[in-house]
N, C-alpha and C. Protein backbone atom coordinates (compact mmCIF):
# COMPACT_ATOMS: atom_id res chain seq x y z
N UNK A 1 0.84 -1.16 0.00
CA UNK A 1 0.00 0.00 0.00
C UNK A 1 0.90 1.24 0.00
N UNK A 2 0.63 2.19 -0.89
CA UNK A 2 1.46 3.40 -0.95
C UNK A 2 1.27 4.29 0.27
N UNK A 3 2.30 5.06 0.54
CA UNK A 3 2.26 6.02 1.63
C UNK A 3 1.28 7.14 1.30
N UNK A 4 1.27 7.56 0.04
CA UNK A 4 0.39 8.65 -0.41
C UNK A 4 0.02 8.38 -1.86
N UNK A 5 -1.14 8.86 -2.27
CA UNK A 5 -1.58 8.77 -3.67
C UNK A 5 -1.86 10.20 -4.12
N UNK A 6 -1.26 10.59 -5.25
CA UNK A 6 -1.44 11.95 -5.76
C UNK A 6 -1.84 11.89 -7.23
N UNK A 7 -2.39 12.98 -7.70
CA UNK A 7 -2.72 13.13 -9.11
C UNK A 7 -1.73 14.12 -9.71
N UNK A 8 -1.24 13.77 -10.89
CA UNK A 8 -0.36 14.68 -11.63
C UNK A 8 -0.72 14.55 -13.10
N UNK A 9 -1.14 15.66 -13.69
CA UNK A 9 -1.60 15.60 -15.06
C UNK A 9 -2.87 14.75 -15.11
N UNK A 10 -2.89 13.79 -16.01
CA UNK A 10 -4.04 12.90 -16.12
C UNK A 10 -3.75 11.52 -15.53
N UNK A 11 -2.71 11.42 -14.69
CA UNK A 11 -2.34 10.14 -14.09
C UNK A 11 -2.41 10.19 -12.57
N UNK A 12 -2.61 9.02 -12.01
CA UNK A 12 -2.55 8.84 -10.56
C UNK A 12 -1.20 8.21 -10.25
N UNK A 13 -0.54 8.71 -9.21
CA UNK A 13 0.79 8.23 -8.84
C UNK A 13 0.78 7.73 -7.41
N UNK A 14 1.46 6.63 -7.17
CA UNK A 14 1.67 6.11 -5.82
C UNK A 14 3.01 6.64 -5.33
N UNK A 15 3.01 7.17 -4.13
CA UNK A 15 4.22 7.74 -3.55
C UNK A 15 4.60 6.90 -2.32
N UNK A 16 5.85 6.51 -2.26
CA UNK A 16 6.39 5.81 -1.09
C UNK A 16 7.51 6.66 -0.51
N UNK A 17 7.59 6.67 0.81
CA UNK A 17 8.62 7.45 1.50
C UNK A 17 9.55 6.50 2.22
N UNK A 18 10.84 6.75 2.08
CA UNK A 18 11.85 5.95 2.79
C UNK A 18 12.82 6.89 3.49
N UNK A 19 13.41 6.38 4.55
CA UNK A 19 14.43 7.14 5.29
C UNK A 19 15.79 6.57 4.93
N UNK A 20 16.70 7.47 4.64
CA UNK A 20 18.07 7.08 4.27
C UNK A 20 19.03 7.87 5.14
N UNK A 21 20.05 7.19 5.63
CA UNK A 21 21.08 7.89 6.40
C UNK A 21 22.41 7.64 5.73
N UNK A 22 22.93 8.65 5.04
CA UNK A 22 24.22 8.51 4.37
C UNK A 22 25.34 8.20 5.37
N UNK A 23 26.36 7.56 4.88
CA UNK A 23 27.51 7.21 5.72
C UNK A 23 28.10 8.45 6.38
N UNK A 24 28.54 8.27 7.60
CA UNK A 24 29.21 9.32 8.37
C UNK A 24 28.34 10.53 8.67
N UNK A 25 27.03 10.33 8.73
CA UNK A 25 26.12 11.41 9.12
C UNK A 25 25.19 10.91 10.21
N UNK A 26 24.65 11.84 10.97
CA UNK A 26 23.71 11.49 12.04
C UNK A 26 22.25 11.71 11.63
N UNK A 27 22.03 12.45 10.56
CA UNK A 27 20.67 12.82 10.17
C UNK A 27 20.10 11.86 9.13
N UNK A 28 18.82 11.55 9.29
CA UNK A 28 18.08 10.77 8.31
C UNK A 28 17.51 11.73 7.28
N UNK A 29 17.52 11.32 6.02
CA UNK A 29 16.98 12.12 4.92
C UNK A 29 15.77 11.42 4.33
N UNK A 30 14.84 12.21 3.82
CA UNK A 30 13.63 11.67 3.21
C UNK A 30 13.85 11.47 1.71
N UNK A 31 13.57 10.26 1.24
CA UNK A 31 13.65 9.94 -0.18
C UNK A 31 12.27 9.45 -0.61
N UNK A 32 11.79 9.98 -1.73
CA UNK A 32 10.45 9.63 -2.22
C UNK A 32 10.54 8.85 -3.52
N UNK A 33 9.66 7.90 -3.65
CA UNK A 33 9.56 7.08 -4.86
C UNK A 33 8.17 7.29 -5.45
N UNK A 34 8.11 7.65 -6.73
CA UNK A 34 6.85 7.86 -7.43
C UNK A 34 6.70 6.77 -8.50
N UNK A 35 5.53 6.12 -8.54
CA UNK A 35 5.23 5.12 -9.57
C UNK A 35 3.83 5.39 -10.11
N UNK A 36 3.69 5.33 -11.43
CA UNK A 36 2.37 5.51 -12.03
C UNK A 36 1.47 4.35 -11.60
N UNK A 37 0.29 4.67 -11.10
CA UNK A 37 -0.62 3.65 -10.56
C UNK A 37 -1.19 2.76 -11.66
N UNK A 38 -1.31 3.26 -12.87
CA UNK A 38 -1.95 2.52 -13.95
C UNK A 38 -1.05 1.44 -14.55
N UNK A 39 0.22 1.46 -14.26
CA UNK A 39 1.14 0.50 -14.85
C UNK A 39 1.10 -0.83 -14.10
N UNK A 40 0.77 -1.88 -14.83
CA UNK A 40 0.74 -3.24 -14.26
C UNK A 40 1.50 -4.17 -15.18
N UNK A 41 2.58 -4.78 -14.77
CA UNK A 41 3.18 -4.67 -13.45
C UNK A 41 3.76 -3.26 -13.25
N UNK A 42 4.02 -2.91 -11.99
CA UNK A 42 4.53 -1.57 -11.73
C UNK A 42 5.77 -1.24 -12.55
N UNK A 43 5.77 -0.05 -13.11
CA UNK A 43 6.89 0.38 -13.96
C UNK A 43 8.03 0.94 -13.14
N UNK A 44 8.91 1.60 -13.84
CA UNK A 44 10.08 2.19 -13.23
C UNK A 44 9.69 3.31 -12.26
N UNK A 45 10.40 3.39 -11.17
CA UNK A 45 10.14 4.43 -10.18
C UNK A 45 10.92 5.70 -10.51
N UNK A 46 10.33 6.82 -10.15
CA UNK A 46 11.00 8.11 -10.23
C UNK A 46 11.37 8.46 -8.79
N UNK A 47 12.67 8.57 -8.51
CA UNK A 47 13.17 8.81 -7.16
C UNK A 47 13.53 10.28 -6.98
N UNK A 48 13.27 10.80 -5.79
CA UNK A 48 13.60 12.19 -5.50
C UNK A 48 13.99 12.34 -4.04
N UNK A 49 15.09 13.01 -3.80
CA UNK A 49 15.51 13.36 -2.45
C UNK A 49 14.73 14.60 -2.05
N UNK A 50 14.04 14.53 -0.92
CA UNK A 50 13.26 15.68 -0.45
C UNK A 50 14.09 16.41 0.61
N UNK A 51 14.12 17.73 0.59
CA UNK A 51 14.97 18.49 1.52
C UNK A 51 14.41 18.51 2.94
N UNK A 52 14.47 17.35 3.57
CA UNK A 52 13.98 17.20 4.93
C UNK A 52 14.91 16.24 5.66
N UNK A 53 15.36 16.64 6.84
CA UNK A 53 16.26 15.81 7.65
C UNK A 53 15.75 15.78 9.08
N UNK A 54 16.10 14.69 9.79
CA UNK A 54 15.72 14.57 11.20
C UNK A 54 16.71 13.64 11.89
N UNK A 55 16.74 13.74 13.21
CA UNK A 55 17.66 12.91 13.99
C UNK A 55 17.17 11.47 14.12
N UNK A 56 15.87 11.24 13.92
CA UNK A 56 15.34 9.88 13.99
C UNK A 56 14.40 9.63 12.82
N UNK A 57 14.22 8.35 12.50
CA UNK A 57 13.30 8.00 11.42
C UNK A 57 11.87 8.41 11.78
N UNK A 58 11.49 8.18 13.03
CA UNK A 58 10.13 8.52 13.45
C UNK A 58 9.86 10.01 13.27
N UNK A 59 10.79 10.83 13.68
CA UNK A 59 10.64 12.28 13.52
C UNK A 59 10.57 12.67 12.05
N UNK A 60 11.36 12.02 11.23
CA UNK A 60 11.36 12.30 9.79
C UNK A 60 9.99 12.01 9.19
N UNK A 61 9.41 10.86 9.53
CA UNK A 61 8.12 10.49 8.96
C UNK A 61 6.99 11.36 9.51
N UNK A 62 7.10 11.81 10.74
CA UNK A 62 6.10 12.73 11.29
C UNK A 62 6.12 14.04 10.50
N UNK A 63 7.32 14.55 10.22
CA UNK A 63 7.44 15.78 9.43
C UNK A 63 6.95 15.56 8.00
N UNK A 64 7.22 14.39 7.45
CA UNK A 64 6.82 14.08 6.06
C UNK A 64 5.31 14.11 5.90
N UNK A 65 4.58 13.73 6.95
CA UNK A 65 3.11 13.74 6.87
C UNK A 65 2.56 15.14 6.61
N UNK A 66 3.34 16.16 6.92
CA UNK A 66 2.89 17.54 6.76
C UNK A 66 3.12 18.08 5.35
N UNK A 67 3.77 17.32 4.49
CA UNK A 67 4.05 17.78 3.12
C UNK A 67 2.74 17.75 2.33
N UNK A 68 2.33 18.89 1.76
CA UNK A 68 1.09 18.92 0.97
C UNK A 68 1.22 18.12 -0.34
N UNK A 69 0.11 17.58 -0.80
CA UNK A 69 0.11 16.85 -2.06
C UNK A 69 0.57 17.72 -3.23
N UNK A 70 0.25 19.01 -3.19
CA UNK A 70 0.65 19.91 -4.27
C UNK A 70 2.18 20.00 -4.37
N UNK A 71 2.85 19.95 -3.24
CA UNK A 71 4.32 20.00 -3.23
C UNK A 71 4.88 18.70 -3.82
N UNK A 72 4.27 17.58 -3.48
CA UNK A 72 4.71 16.30 -4.04
C UNK A 72 4.51 16.28 -5.55
N UNK A 73 3.38 16.78 -5.99
CA UNK A 73 3.10 16.83 -7.43
C UNK A 73 4.10 17.72 -8.16
N UNK A 74 4.46 18.84 -7.55
CA UNK A 74 5.44 19.75 -8.14
C UNK A 74 6.82 19.08 -8.22
N UNK A 75 7.20 18.36 -7.18
CA UNK A 75 8.47 17.65 -7.17
C UNK A 75 8.50 16.59 -8.28
N UNK A 76 7.39 15.88 -8.43
CA UNK A 76 7.30 14.88 -9.51
C UNK A 76 7.42 15.55 -10.87
N UNK A 77 6.76 16.68 -11.07
CA UNK A 77 6.82 17.39 -12.34
C UNK A 77 8.25 17.79 -12.67
N UNK A 78 9.01 18.24 -11.66
CA UNK A 78 10.41 18.61 -11.88
C UNK A 78 11.24 17.42 -12.32
N UNK A 79 10.97 16.26 -11.73
CA UNK A 79 11.72 15.05 -12.06
C UNK A 79 11.37 14.52 -13.44
N UNK A 80 10.13 14.72 -13.86
CA UNK A 80 9.68 14.24 -15.17
C UNK A 80 10.10 15.17 -16.31
N UNK A 81 10.42 16.42 -15.99
CA UNK A 81 10.79 17.40 -17.02
C UNK A 81 12.13 17.09 -17.64
């Protein structure tokens, strides 16, 4: 089940959020995966690093819940351009 479902253009996209902690850092970063919902089997993902960091995964995901769908759609548009 996707973390979030958004509309972009005439397509529906499934968004998944993951926490990544690069080597030699203390902060977790938010990485988003976008997949077109209509593709069966699921097609290639569009990945985007979101400018959000936190000291814990839980804190990161709490902050991620506050991201508006319009911002996610805009980020996807930038990646598709």
